[in-house]
Structure formats: C-alpha cells, structure tokens
PDB file of N, CA and C in Angstrom:
ATOM      1  N   UNK A   1       0.834  -1.186   0.000  1.00  0.00           N
ATOM      2  CA  UNK A   1       0.000   0.000   0.000  1.00  0.00           C
ATOM      3  C   UNK A   1       0.879   1.250   0.000  1.00  0.00           C
ATOM      4  N   UNK A   2       0.555   2.183  -0.829  1.00  0.00           N
ATOM      5  CA  UNK A   2       1.338   3.408  -0.953  1.00  0.00           C
ATOM      6  C   UNK A   2       0.858   4.443   0.070  1.00  0.00           C
ATOM      7  N   UNK A   3       1.810   5.243   0.582  1.00  0.00           N
ATOM      8  CA  UNK A   3       1.456   6.290   1.542  1.00  0.00           C
ATOM      9  C   UNK A   3       0.537   7.317   0.891  1.00  0.00           C
ATOM     10  N   UNK A   4      -0.437   7.820   1.644  1.00  0.00           N
ATOM     11  CA  UNK A   4      -1.292   8.880   1.096  1.00  0.00           C
ATOM     12  C   UNK A   4      -0.475  10.142   0.831  1.00  0.00           C
ATOM     13  N   UNK A   5      -0.879  10.883  -0.161  1.00  0.00           N
ATOM     14  CA  UNK A   5      -0.145  12.075  -0.564  1.00  0.00           C
ATOM     15  C   UNK A   5      -0.955  13.322  -0.264  1.00  0.00           C
ATOM     16  N   UNK A   6      -0.269  14.365   0.180  1.00  0.00           N
ATOM     17  CA  UNK A   6      -0.858  15.681   0.392  1.00  0.00           C
ATOM     18  C   UNK A   6      -0.013  16.644  -0.429  1.00  0.00           C
ATOM     19  N   UNK A   7      -0.610  17.258  -1.431  1.00  0.00           N
ATOM     20  CA  UNK A   7       0.104  18.172  -2.337  1.00  0.00           C
ATOM     21  C   UNK A   7       1.334  17.496  -2.948  1.00  0.00           C
ATOM     22  N   UNK A   8       1.241  16.228  -3.220  1.00  0.00           N
ATOM     23  CA  UNK A   8       2.342  15.493  -3.830  1.00  0.00           C
ATOM     24  C   UNK A   8       3.429  15.063  -2.862  1.00  0.00           C
ATOM     25  N   UNK A   9       3.211  15.245  -1.573  1.00  0.00           N
ATOM     26  CA  UNK A   9       4.189  14.860  -0.549  1.00  0.00           C
ATOM     27  C   UNK A   9       3.601  13.770   0.332  1.00  0.00           C
ATOM     28  N   UNK A  10       4.459  12.965   0.905  1.00  0.00           N
ATOM     29  CA  UNK A  10       3.971  12.019   1.897  1.00  0.00           C
ATOM     30  C   UNK A  10       3.588  12.791   3.157  1.00  0.00           C
ATOM     31  N   UNK A  11       2.880  12.155   4.040  1.00  0.00           N
ATOM     32  CA  UNK A  11       2.437  12.827   5.257  1.00  0.00           C
ATOM     33  C   UNK A  11       3.633  13.299   6.082  1.00  0.00           C
ATOM     34  N   UNK A  12       4.668  12.473   6.191  1.00  0.00           N
ATOM     35  CA  UNK A  12       5.854  12.847   6.976  1.00  0.00           C
ATOM     36  C   UNK A  12       6.559  14.065   6.373  1.00  0.00           C
ATOM     37  N   UNK A  13       6.697  14.096   5.054  1.00  0.00           N
ATOM     38  CA  UNK A  13       7.329  15.243   4.398  1.00  0.00           C
ATOM     39  C   UNK A  13       6.499  16.505   4.582  1.00  0.00           C
ATOM     40  N   UNK A  14       5.177  16.380   4.434  1.00  0.00           N
ATOM     41  CA  UNK A  14       4.288  17.521   4.605  1.00  0.00           C
ATOM     42  C   UNK A  14       4.357  18.068   6.024  1.00  0.00           C
ATOM     43  N   UNK A  15       4.370  17.169   7.025  1.00  0.00           N
ATOM     44  CA  UNK A  15       4.462  17.603   8.418  1.00  0.00           C
ATOM     45  C   UNK A  15       5.778  18.307   8.697  1.00  0.00           C
ATOM     46  N   UNK A  16       6.865  17.792   8.144  1.00  0.00           N
ATOM     47  CA  UNK A  16       8.177  18.396   8.361  1.00  0.00           C
ATOM     48  C   UNK A  16       8.236  19.805   7.780  1.00  0.00           C
ATOM     49  N   UNK A  17       7.770  19.971   6.559  1.00  0.00           N
ATOM     50  CA  UNK A  17       7.775  21.291   5.922  1.00  0.00           C
ATOM     51  C   UNK A  17       6.817  22.231   6.644  1.00  0.00           C
ATOM     52  N   UNK A  18       5.641  21.747   6.993  1.00  0.00           N
ATOM     53  CA  UNK A  18       4.653  22.584   7.683  1.00  0.00           C
ATOM     54  C   UNK A  18       5.178  23.070   9.019  1.00  0.00           C
ATOM     55  N   UNK A  19       5.838  22.196   9.761  1.00  0.00           N
ATOM     56  CA  UNK A  19       6.384  22.586  11.059  1.00  0.00           C
ATOM     57  C   UNK A  19       7.407  23.703  10.904  1.00  0.00           C
ATOM     58  N   UNK A  20       8.305  23.554   9.945  1.00  0.00           N
ATOM     59  CA  UNK A  20       9.343  24.571   9.750  1.00  0.00           C
ATOM     60  C   UNK A  20       8.750  25.897   9.289  1.00  0.00           C
ATOM     61  N   UNK A  21       7.830  25.860   8.343  1.00  0.00           N
ATOM     62  CA  UNK A  21       7.236  27.093   7.816  1.00  0.00           C
ATOM     63  C   UNK A  21       6.377  27.777   8.873  1.00  0.00           C
ATOM     64  N   UNK A  22       5.514  27.009   9.536  1.00  0.00           N
ATOM     65  CA  UNK A  22       4.602  27.608  10.520  1.00  0.00           C
ATOM     66  C   UNK A  22       5.359  28.115  11.745  1.00  0.00           C
ATOM     67  N   UNK A  23       6.373  27.393  12.192  1.00  0.00           N
ATOM     68  CA  UNK A  23       7.140  27.861  13.343  1.00  0.00           C
ATOM     69  C   UNK A  23       7.945  29.107  13.003  1.00  0.00           C
ATOM     70  N   UNK A  24       8.465  29.185  11.783  1.00  0.00           N
ATOM     71  CA  UNK A  24       9.171  30.389  11.361  1.00  0.00           C
ATOM     72  C   UNK A  24       8.225  31.586  11.364  1.00  0.00           C
ATOM     73  N   UNK A  25       7.017  31.385  10.837  1.00  0.00           N
ATOM     74  CA  UNK A  25       6.027  32.457  10.828  1.00  0.00           C
ATOM     75  C   UNK A  25       5.645  32.850  12.255  1.00  0.00           C
ATOM     76  N   UNK A  26       5.495  31.881  13.134  1.00  0.00           N
ATOM     77  CA  UNK A  26       5.136  32.164  14.521  1.00  0.00           C
ATOM     78  C   UNK A  26       6.241  32.942  15.232  1.00  0.00           C
ATOM     79  N   UNK A  27       7.481  32.572  15.005  1.00  0.00           N
ATOM     80  CA  UNK A  27       8.607  33.268  15.627  1.00  0.00           C
ATOM     81  C   UNK A  27       8.685  34.715  15.119  1.00  0.00           C
ATOM     82  N   UNK A  28       8.502  34.911  13.815  1.00  0.00           N
ATOM     83  CA  UNK A  28       8.512  36.270  13.271  1.00  0.00           C
ATOM     84  C   UNK A  28       7.374  37.100  13.850  1.00  0.00           C
ATOM     85  N   UNK A  29       6.206  36.488  14.029  1.00  0.00           N
ATOM     86  CA  UNK A  29       5.071  37.199  14.616  1.00  0.00           C
ATOM     87  C   UNK A  29       5.354  37.547  16.076  1.00  0.00           C
ATOM     88  N   UNK A  30       5.999  36.645  16.810  1.00  0.00           N
ATOM     89  CA  UNK A  30       6.347  36.935  18.200  1.00  0.00           C
ATOM     90  C   UNK A  30       7.366  38.067  18.288  1.00  0.00           C
ATOM     91  N   UNK A  31       8.310  38.116  17.356  1.00  0.00           N
ATOM     92  CA  UNK A  31       9.264  39.232  17.323  1.00  0.00           C
ATOM     93  C   UNK A  31       8.537  40.553  17.078  1.00  0.00           C
ATOM     94  N   UNK A  32       7.554  40.530  16.181  1.00  0.00           N
ATOM     95  CA  UNK A  32       6.754  41.727  15.929  1.00  0.00           C
ATOM     96  C   UNK A  32       6.010  42.151  17.198  1.00  0.00           C
ATOM     97  N   UNK A  33       5.422  41.195  17.905  1.00  0.00           N
ATOM     98  CA  UNK A  33       4.679  41.496  19.134  1.00  0.00           C
ATOM     99  C   UNK A  33       5.607  42.086  20.192  1.00  0.00           C
ATOM    100  N   UNK A  34       6.793  41.522  20.360  1.00  0.00           N
ATOM    101  CA  UNK A  34       7.748  42.040  21.343  1.00  0.00           C
ATOM    102  C   UNK A  34       8.156  43.464  20.981  1.00  0.00           C
ATOM    103  N   UNK A  35       8.431  43.700  19.707  1.00  0.00           N
ATOM    104  CA  UNK A  35       8.794  45.047  19.263  1.00  0.00           C
ATOM    105  C   UNK A  35       7.669  46.046  19.472  1.00  0.00           C
ATOM    106  N   UNK A  36       6.454  45.623  19.182  1.00  0.00           N
ATOM    107  CA  UNK A  36       5.304  46.498  19.377  1.00  0.00           C
ATOM    108  C   UNK A  36       5.071  46.776  20.863  1.00  0.00           C
ATOM    109  N   UNK A  37       5.257  45.763  21.692  1.00  0.00           N
ATOM    110  CA  UNK A  37       5.118  45.926  23.136  1.00  0.00           C
ATOM    111  C   UNK A  37       6.157  46.906  23.667  1.00  0.00           C
ATOM    112  N   UNK A  38       7.377  46.802  23.177  1.00  0.00           N
ATOM    113  CA  UNK A  38       8.433  47.722  23.609  1.00  0.00           C
ATOM    114  C   UNK A  38       8.118  49.147  23.182  1.00  0.00           C
ATOM    115  N   UNK A  39       7.589  49.306  21.979  1.00  0.00           N
ATOM    116  CA  UNK A  39       7.256  50.643  21.483  1.00  0.00           C
ATOM    117  C   UNK A  39       6.091  51.245  22.266  1.00  0.00           C
ATOM    118  N   UNK A  40       5.056  50.442  22.500  1.00  0.00           N
ATOM    119  CA  UNK A  40       3.875  50.934  23.211  1.00  0.00           C
ATOM    120  C   UNK A  40       4.183  51.286  24.674  1.00  0.00           C
ATOM    121  N   UNK A  41       5.103  50.534  25.291  1.00  0.00           N
ATOM    122  CA  UNK A  41       5.432  50.794  26.694  1.00  0.00           C
ATOM    123  C   UNK A  41       6.527  51.850  26.847  1.00  0.00           C
ATOM    124  N   UNK A  42       7.040  52.350  25.718  1.00  0.00           N
ATOM    125  CA  UNK A  42       8.107  53.358  25.721  1.00  0.00           C
ATOM    126  C   UNK A  42       9.296  52.888  26.568  1.00  0.00           C
ATOM    127  N   UNK A  43       9.744  51.664  26.275  1.00  0.00           N
ATOM    128  CA  UNK A  43      10.788  51.023  27.065  1.00  0.00           C
ATOM    129  C   UNK A  43      12.163  51.655  26.855  1.00  0.00           C
ATOM    130  N   UNK A  44      12.376  52.336  25.772  1.00  0.00           N
ATOM    131  CA  UNK A  44      13.710  52.865  25.491  1.00  0.00           C
ATOM    132  C   UNK A  44      14.579  51.789  24.871  1.00  0.00           C
ATOM    133  N   UNK A  45      15.789  52.172  24.500  1.00  0.00           N
ATOM    134  CA  UNK A  45      16.677  51.226  23.824  1.00  0.00           C
ATOM    135  C   UNK A  45      17.103  50.082  24.746  1.00  0.00           C
ATOM    136  N   UNK A  46      17.525  50.426  25.946  1.00  0.00           N
ATOM    137  CA  UNK A  46      17.997  49.411  26.895  1.00  0.00           C
ATOM    138  C   UNK A  46      16.860  48.460  27.291  1.00  0.00           C
ATOM    139  N   UNK A  47      15.700  49.009  27.564  1.00  0.00           N
ATOM    140  CA  UNK A  47      14.552  48.184  27.926  1.00  0.00           C
ATOM    141  C   UNK A  47      14.105  47.285  26.789  1.00  0.00           C
ATOM    142  N   UNK A  48      14.170  47.807  25.564  1.00  0.00           N
ATOM    143  CA  UNK A  48      13.784  47.015  24.395  1.00  0.00           C
ATOM    144  C   UNK A  48      14.720  45.831  24.211  1.00  0.00           C
ATOM    145  N   UNK A  49      16.011  46.071  24.380  1.00  0.00           N
ATOM    146  CA  UNK A  49      16.982  44.980  24.263  1.00  0.00           C
ATOM    147  C   UNK A  49      16.675  43.892  25.289  1.00  0.00           C
ATOM    148  N   UNK A  50      16.397  44.285  26.523  1.00  0.00           N
ATOM    149  CA  UNK A  50      16.104  43.305  27.562  1.00  0.00           C
ATOM    150  C   UNK A  50      14.783  42.586  27.317  1.00  0.00           C
ATOM    151  N   UNK A  51      13.821  43.274  26.735  1.00  0.00           N
ATOM    152  CA  UNK A  51      12.557  42.613  26.400  1.00  0.00           C
ATOM    153  C   UNK A  51      12.780  41.547  25.334  1.00  0.00           C
ATOM    154  N   UNK A  52      13.577  41.877  24.328  1.00  0.00           N
ATOM    155  CA  UNK A  52      13.864  40.883  23.285  1.00  0.00           C
ATOM    156  C   UNK A  52      14.655  39.705  23.855  1.00  0.00           C
ATOM    157  N   UNK A  53      15.590  39.967  24.753  1.00  0.00           N
ATOM    158  CA  UNK A  53      16.370  38.881  25.345  1.00  0.00           C
ATOM    159  C   UNK A  53      15.488  37.996  26.210  1.00  0.00           C
ATOM    160  N   UNK A  54      14.727  38.611  27.116  1.00  0.00           N
ATOM    161  CA  UNK A  54      13.925  37.836  28.065  1.00  0.00           C
ATOM    162  C   UNK A  54      12.775  37.104  27.385  1.00  0.00           C
ATOM    163  N   UNK A  55      12.031  37.792  26.536  1.00  0.00           N
ATOM    164  CA  UNK A  55      10.861  37.179  25.916  1.00  0.00           C
ATOM    165  C   UNK A  55      11.228  36.305  24.725  1.00  0.00           C
ATOM    166  N   UNK A  56      12.368  36.567  24.104  1.00  0.00           N
ATOM    167  CA  UNK A  56      12.768  35.785  22.951  1.00  0.00           C
ATOM    168  C   UNK A  56      13.621  34.580  23.276  1.00  0.00           C
ATOM    169  N   UNK A  57      13.944  34.394  24.532  1.00  0.00           N
ATOM    170  CA  UNK A  57      14.837  33.302  24.917  1.00  0.00           C
ATOM    171  C   UNK A  57      14.243  31.926  24.622  1.00  0.00           C
ATOM    172  N   UNK A  58      12.931  31.790  24.727  1.00  0.00           N
ATOM    173  CA  UNK A  58      12.281  30.499  24.487  1.00  0.00           C
ATOM    174  C   UNK A  58      12.468  30.009  23.069  1.00  0.00           C
ATOM    175  N   UNK A  59      12.177  30.846  22.082  1.00  0.00           N
ATOM    176  CA  UNK A  59      12.323  30.369  20.711  1.00  0.00           C
ATOM    177  C   UNK A  59      13.767  30.344  20.254  1.00  0.00           C
ATOM    178  N   UNK A  60      14.646  31.069  20.923  1.00  0.00           N
ATOM    179  CA  UNK A  60      16.075  30.954  20.613  1.00  0.00           C
ATOM    180  C   UNK A  60      16.553  29.543  20.968  1.00  0.00           C
ATOM    181  N   UNK A  61      16.082  29.031  22.091  1.00  0.00           N
ATOM    182  CA  UNK A  61      16.415  27.664  22.488  1.00  0.00           C
ATOM    183  C   UNK A  61      15.891  26.643  21.497  1.00  0.00           C
ATOM    184  N   UNK A  62      14.676  26.870  21.001  1.00  0.00           N
ATOM    185  CA  UNK A  62      14.097  25.942  20.026  1.00  0.00           C
ATOM    186  C   UNK A  62      14.893  25.940  18.731  1.00  0.00           C
ATOM    187  N   UNK A  63      15.276  27.115  18.257  1.00  0.00           N
ATOM    188  CA  UNK A  63      16.063  27.216  17.022  1.00  0.00           C
ATOM    189  C   UNK A  63      17.446  26.603  17.233  1.00  0.00           C
ATOM    190  N   UNK A  64      18.043  26.850  18.398  1.00  0.00           N
ATOM    191  CA  UNK A  64      19.358  26.273  18.698  1.00  0.00           C
ATOM    192  C   UNK A  64      19.296  24.755  18.711  1.00  0.00           C
ATOM    193  N   UNK A  65      18.207  24.208  19.237  1.00  0.00           N
ATOM    194  CA  UNK A  65      18.042  22.749  19.259  1.00  0.00           C
ATOM    195  C   UNK A  65      18.054  22.192  17.838  1.00  0.00           C
ATOM    196  N   UNK A  66      17.398  22.876  16.909  1.00  0.00           N
ATOM    197  CA  UNK A  66      17.392  22.439  15.514  1.00  0.00           C
ATOM    198  C   UNK A  66      18.781  22.447  14.902  1.00  0.00           C
ATOM    199  N   UNK A  67      19.558  23.518  15.175  1.00  0.00           N
ATOM    200  CA  UNK A  67      20.928  23.591  14.658  1.00  0.00           C
ATOM    201  C   UNK A  67      21.812  22.507  15.263  1.00  0.00           C
ATOM    202  N   UNK A  68      21.659  22.256  16.551  1.00  0.00           N
ATOM    203  CA  UNK A  68      22.469  21.229  17.202  1.00  0.00           C
ATOM    204  C   UNK A  68      22.135  19.860  16.644  1.00  0.00           C
ATOM    205  N   UNK A  69      20.851  19.577  16.435  1.00  0.00           N
ATOM    206  CA  UNK A  69      20.462  18.282  15.844  1.00  0.00           C
ATOM    207  C   UNK A  69      21.047  18.122  14.454  1.00  0.00           C
ATOM    208  N   UNK A  70      21.000  19.178  13.659  1.00  0.00           N
ATOM    209  CA  UNK A  70      21.534  19.101  12.292  1.00  0.00           C
ATOM    210  C   UNK A  70      23.055  18.924  12.328  1.00  0.00           C
ATOM    211  N   UNK A  71      23.734  19.646  13.230  1.00  0.00           N
ATOM    212  CA  UNK A  71      25.185  19.556  13.337  1.00  0.00           C
ATOM    213  C   UNK A  71      25.625  18.166  13.765  1.00  0.00           C
ATOM    214  N   UNK A  72      24.882  17.555  14.692  1.00  0.00           N
ATOM    215  CA  UNK A  72      25.250  16.227  15.196  1.00  0.00           C
ATOM    216  C   UNK A  72      24.711  15.099  14.332  1.00  0.00           C
ATOM    217  N   UNK A  73      23.888  15.427  13.348  1.00  0.00           N
ATOM    218  CA  UNK A  73      23.346  14.392  12.459  1.00  0.00           C
ATOM    219  C   UNK A  73      22.239  13.579  13.088  1.00  0.00           C
ATOM    220  N   UNK A  74      21.573  14.119  14.089  1.00  0.00           N
ATOM    221  CA  UNK A  74      20.509  13.385  14.786  1.00  0.00           C
ATOM    222  C   UNK A  74      19.208  13.426  13.984  1.00  0.00           C
ATOM    223  N   UNK A  75      18.976  14.500  13.288  1.00  0.00           N
ATOM    224  CA  UNK A  75      17.713  14.715  12.569  1.00  0.00           C
ATOM    225  C   UNK A  75      17.439  13.667  11.609  1.00  0.00           C
TER     226      UNK A  75
END
C-alpha cells in the first residue's frame, strides 16, 4: 500500500515542511509582538533589548536545538 499524498508529498514530508514554515512564521510574529510591546510601553533602547532577550529566549532555544540536531546528524 502506498502512503497517502498531500500536495504530492507524503504525510511525513508535509508535516516536516509545515512545522518549519509555521514555526518560522510564529517566531517572526512573536518578534513583531515584542517590538510592538516595547514601542507601546516606551521602554527605550535598553529596555527594548532586555525585552527581546527575556521574551525571545524560548524560541532561541528551540532554534538552537534544531541547529544542534543538524550539526550532530541526529535529525
């Protein structure tokens, strides 16, 4: 039995591409939200930097995990 296809891709390939595309879009949207929050709160340059560091640390870890997996050949 052949694997079902979605847009000409197997389910595993479609999930892999979807995860990367959607997570990239989500991370970019979160960066926009952090920047907008810093602007609305009038945080200043120093405060904005700290907001990006503190609030962006979660997805930095997720992206780093992807690079480490690729570097070690685990993926």
